[in-house]
Amino acid sequence: MTDFRLALATGNKHKVRELFAILEPLLPGLTVDQIGTTHDFDVAEPVEDAPSFEGNALIKARALADATGLPVIADDSGLAVDILGGAPGIFSARWSGHHGDDEANLTLLLNQLADVPTQYRGAKFVCAAAMVTPGDGAVSAREIVEVGAMPGRLITEPRGDGGFGYDPIFVPDGYEVTSAELSPEEKNRISHRGKAFRALAPSIVEALRNV
């Protein structure tokens, strides 16, 4: 644990890969093996019971920062569908009732939107990226949250083998392909997660100067 300089409050292997790809070029001198994840620490995952992406991201980051004493970054993200009033939203990962069942979540959402015409299938992915730097008694803990969004629309049938979650049915604005058909580099360039973590990067760099 002593070799880690930064921790990611996630055990989602897909998200870990995306975050590494986004952050590595933004954090000079920080190597992948200096970034720990929840799998590297014996820490129970907290209950994410906040009513917002921002709140849930902070819950995860605070819990791991308290346990490790390291600067921690976390995110909470999901899909907000216009005609559903922003749902699934914070419930995106468990929309079908089973957390992390991507296929069931996607199938349920498609069924719910089966009769909705194209012009009303607007949606956006939203990501809240949080960083918590623990205090040490003399210095107060610091908390920062940045939010990114990727607007687009939902199609009626899944397309593409990349990405995860709802990516196969989401077409970003300005594109004719789904997020699951984009290269990882192109997706990270336009994604909600990429935007949020690029905004957070200067604060991460500052925090790492003190580690």
Protein backbone atom coordinates (compact mmCIF):
# COMPACT_ATOMS: atom_id res chain seq x y z
CA MET A 1 0.00 0.00 0.00
CA THR A 2 2.87 2.38 0.73
CA ASP A 3 3.85 2.48 -2.96
CA PHE A 4 0.48 3.89 -4.03
CA ARG A 5 0.19 7.63 -4.54
CA LEU A 6 -3.45 7.74 -5.64
CA ALA A 7 -6.49 5.49 -5.23
CA LEU A 8 -9.49 4.87 -7.45
CA ALA A 9 -12.68 4.10 -5.57
CA THR A 10 -13.98 1.51 -8.01
CA GLY A 11 -13.84 -2.21 -8.58
CA ASN A 12 -15.52 -2.04 -12.00
CA LYS A 13 -12.88 -3.44 -14.36
CA HIS A 14 -14.36 -1.64 -17.38
CA LYS A 15 -14.28 1.68 -15.55
CA VAL A 16 -10.74 1.09 -14.31
CA ARG A 17 -9.50 0.64 -17.88
CA GLU A 18 -11.28 3.79 -19.04
CA LEU A 19 -9.97 5.86 -16.15
CA PHE A 20 -6.39 4.69 -16.66
CA ALA A 21 -6.62 5.61 -20.34
CA ILE A 22 -8.03 9.05 -19.55
CA LEU A 23 -5.74 9.93 -16.64
CA GLU A 24 -2.36 8.56 -17.68
CA PRO A 25 -1.52 11.33 -20.19
CA LEU A 26 -2.86 13.99 -17.80
CA LEU A 27 -0.74 13.03 -14.78
CA PRO A 28 2.95 13.38 -15.66
CA GLY A 29 5.22 11.09 -13.71
CA LEU A 30 2.42 8.93 -12.33
CA THR A 31 2.64 5.30 -13.37
CA VAL A 32 -0.23 2.83 -13.47
CA ASP A 33 1.25 0.73 -10.66
CA GLN A 34 1.12 3.77 -8.36
CA ILE A 35 -2.67 3.92 -8.66
CA GLY A 36 -4.53 1.53 -6.36
CA THR A 37 -8.16 0.45 -6.70
CA THR A 38 -10.62 -0.87 -4.15
CA HIS A 39 -9.36 -4.38 -4.97
CA ASP A 40 -5.94 -3.41 -3.59
CA PHE A 41 -7.28 -2.41 -0.18
CA ASP A 42 -9.23 -4.39 2.41
CA VAL A 43 -12.04 -1.85 2.55
CA ALA A 44 -15.77 -2.53 2.49
CA GLU A 45 -17.66 -0.69 -0.24
CA PRO A 46 -19.93 2.02 1.21
CA VAL A 47 -23.66 2.25 0.66
CA GLU A 48 -24.33 4.71 -2.16
CA ASP A 49 -27.52 6.28 -0.89
CA ALA A 50 -27.16 9.89 -2.05
CA PRO A 51 -29.84 11.26 -4.42
CA SER A 52 -27.30 12.56 -6.96
CA PHE A 53 -24.27 11.50 -8.97
CA GLU A 54 -22.18 14.08 -7.12
CA GLY A 55 -23.24 12.78 -3.71
CA ASN A 56 -22.56 9.15 -4.52
CA ALA A 57 -19.14 9.93 -5.99
CA LEU A 58 -18.20 11.72 -2.78
CA ILE A 59 -19.46 8.86 -0.61
CA LYS A 60 -17.12 6.44 -2.40
CA ALA A 61 -14.16 8.80 -2.37
CA ARG A 62 -14.54 9.73 1.31
CA ALA A 63 -14.74 6.11 2.44
CA LEU A 64 -11.56 5.06 0.65
CA ALA A 65 -9.69 8.23 1.63
CA ASP A 66 -10.53 7.66 5.30
CA ALA A 67 -9.31 4.06 5.06
CA THR A 68 -6.08 4.68 3.13
CA GLY A 69 -4.97 8.24 3.89
CA LEU A 70 -4.39 8.73 0.15
CA PRO A 71 -5.92 11.16 -2.30
CA VAL A 72 -8.85 9.28 -3.80
CA ILE A 73 -10.78 9.81 -6.98
CA ALA A 74 -14.18 8.30 -7.65
CA ASP A 75 -16.99 8.76 -10.05
CA ASP A 76 -20.67 8.06 -10.28
CA SER A 77 -22.25 8.03 -13.67
CA GLY A 78 -25.32 6.95 -15.53
CA LEU A 79 -27.76 7.49 -18.34
CA ALA A 80 -30.46 10.16 -18.16
CA VAL A 81 -33.30 9.62 -20.66
CA ASP A 82 -35.35 12.70 -21.51
CA ILE A 83 -38.75 11.03 -21.83
CA LEU A 84 -38.20 9.16 -18.55
CA GLY A 85 -37.58 12.39 -16.67
CA GLY A 86 -33.86 11.69 -16.27
CA ALA A 87 -34.18 8.01 -15.33
CA PRO A 88 -32.47 5.58 -14.96
CA GLY A 89 -30.05 8.23 -13.62
CA ILE A 90 -28.35 7.14 -10.40
CA PHE A 91 -30.07 3.75 -10.75
CA SER A 92 -28.52 3.04 -14.16
CA ALA A 93 -26.32 0.16 -12.97
CA ARG A 94 -29.24 -1.57 -11.25
CA TRP A 95 -32.18 -0.54 -13.42
CA SER A 96 -33.30 -4.16 -13.87
CA GLY A 97 -33.06 -4.84 -10.13
CA HIS A 98 -29.66 -6.57 -10.26
CA HIS A 99 -26.58 -4.40 -9.89
CA GLY A 100 -24.14 -4.61 -12.77
CA ASP A 101 -26.28 -6.79 -15.08
CA ASP A 102 -25.61 -4.77 -18.24
CA GLU A 103 -27.64 -7.01 -20.54
CA ALA A 104 -30.72 -7.01 -18.31
CA ASN A 105 -30.54 -3.25 -17.76
CA LEU A 106 -30.24 -2.55 -21.48
CA THR A 107 -33.05 -4.95 -22.40
CA LEU A 108 -35.41 -3.45 -19.84
CA LEU A 109 -34.72 0.08 -21.04
CA LEU A 110 -35.28 -0.88 -24.68
CA ASN A 111 -38.59 -2.49 -23.76
CA GLN A 112 -39.67 0.61 -21.86
CA LEU A 113 -38.90 2.78 -24.90
CA ALA A 114 -40.25 0.35 -27.51
CA ASP A 115 -43.06 2.64 -28.67
CA VAL A 116 -41.17 5.93 -28.36
CA PRO A 117 -40.43 7.55 -31.76
CA THR A 118 -36.95 8.71 -32.71
CA GLN A 119 -37.55 12.40 -32.05
CA TYR A 120 -38.31 11.69 -28.38
CA ARG A 121 -35.40 9.35 -27.68
CA GLY A 122 -32.97 12.01 -26.51
CA ALA A 123 -30.65 11.09 -23.64
CA LYS A 124 -27.31 11.93 -22.12
CA PHE A 125 -24.62 10.18 -20.15
CA VAL A 126 -23.62 12.09 -17.00
CA CYS A 127 -20.52 11.64 -14.85
CA ALA A 128 -19.62 13.25 -11.55
CA ALA A 129 -15.89 12.87 -10.83
CA ALA A 130 -14.85 13.51 -7.23
CA MET A 131 -11.52 13.83 -5.48
CA VAL A 132 -11.07 13.71 -1.72
CA THR A 133 -7.70 14.56 -0.16
CA PRO A 134 -7.60 13.50 3.51
CA GLY A 135 -6.70 16.02 6.16
CA ASP A 136 -3.88 15.43 8.64
CA GLY A 137 -5.05 17.46 11.59
CA ALA A 138 -3.26 20.65 10.58
CA VAL A 139 -4.71 20.64 7.08
CA SER A 140 -8.41 20.21 6.40
CA ALA A 141 -9.66 17.55 4.03
CA ARG A 142 -10.36 18.84 0.53
CA GLU A 143 -13.25 17.77 -1.68
CA ILE A 144 -13.74 18.66 -5.34
CA VAL A 145 -16.38 17.49 -7.82
CA GLU A 146 -16.48 18.06 -11.58
CA VAL A 147 -19.38 17.04 -13.84
CA GLY A 148 -19.30 16.05 -17.50
CA ALA A 149 -22.09 15.13 -19.91
CA MET A 150 -22.33 13.48 -23.32
CA PRO A 151 -25.66 14.19 -25.06
CA GLY A 152 -27.11 11.95 -27.73
CA ARG A 153 -30.03 9.68 -28.56
CA LEU A 154 -31.04 6.07 -28.08
CA ILE A 155 -31.55 3.62 -30.93
CA THR A 156 -33.83 0.59 -30.92
CA GLU A 157 -31.28 -2.23 -31.32
CA PRO A 158 -27.80 -2.69 -29.81
CA ARG A 159 -24.81 -2.11 -32.09
CA GLY A 160 -21.11 -2.55 -31.45
CA ASP A 161 -18.87 -4.68 -29.26
CA GLY A 162 -16.93 -1.98 -27.42
CA GLY A 163 -17.77 -0.08 -24.26
CA PHE A 164 -20.16 -1.40 -21.64
CA GLY A 165 -23.51 -0.69 -20.04
CA TYR A 166 -25.83 1.26 -22.34
CA ASP A 167 -23.10 2.09 -24.88
CA PRO A 168 -24.52 -0.24 -27.60
CA ILE A 169 -27.78 1.75 -27.84
CA PHE A 170 -26.40 5.28 -27.36
CA VAL A 171 -25.47 7.46 -30.35
CA PRO A 172 -23.58 10.62 -29.31
CA ASP A 173 -24.60 13.94 -30.85
CA GLY A 174 -22.77 14.50 -34.13
CA TYR A 175 -22.22 10.78 -34.75
CA GLU A 176 -24.04 8.00 -36.58
CA VAL A 177 -22.35 5.20 -34.63
CA THR A 178 -22.98 4.08 -31.08
CA SER A 179 -20.58 4.55 -28.20
CA ALA A 180 -19.89 0.83 -28.47
CA GLU A 181 -18.71 1.32 -32.07
CA LEU A 182 -16.25 4.10 -31.25
CA SER A 183 -12.58 3.43 -30.64
CA PRO A 184 -11.58 3.76 -26.97
CA GLU A 185 -9.57 6.89 -27.83
CA GLU A 186 -12.48 8.60 -29.59
CA LYS A 187 -14.93 7.64 -26.87
CA ASN A 188 -12.65 9.02 -24.14
CA ARG A 189 -12.26 12.26 -26.12
CA ILE A 190 -16.01 13.00 -26.13
CA SER A 191 -17.34 11.03 -23.19
CA HIS A 192 -18.94 12.31 -20.03
CA ARG A 193 -16.25 10.54 -18.00
CA GLY A 194 -13.45 11.97 -20.09
CA LYS A 195 -14.80 15.51 -19.72
CA ALA A 196 -15.27 15.20 -15.96
CA PHE A 197 -11.83 13.74 -15.26
CA ARG A 198 -10.03 16.14 -17.56
CA ALA A 199 -11.63 18.97 -15.58
CA LEU A 200 -10.52 17.28 -12.34
CA ALA A 201 -6.96 16.56 -13.51
CA PRO A 202 -5.35 19.86 -12.39
CA SER A 203 -6.65 19.28 -8.85
CA ILE A 204 -5.29 15.72 -8.90
CA VAL A 205 -1.87 16.97 -9.99
CA GLU A 206 -1.88 19.50 -7.16
CA ALA A 207 -2.83 16.84 -4.61
CA LEU A 208 -0.07 14.50 -5.79
CA ARG A 209 2.58 17.14 -5.11
CA ASN A 210 1.94 16.58 -1.40
CA VAL A 211 2.02 12.77 -1.48
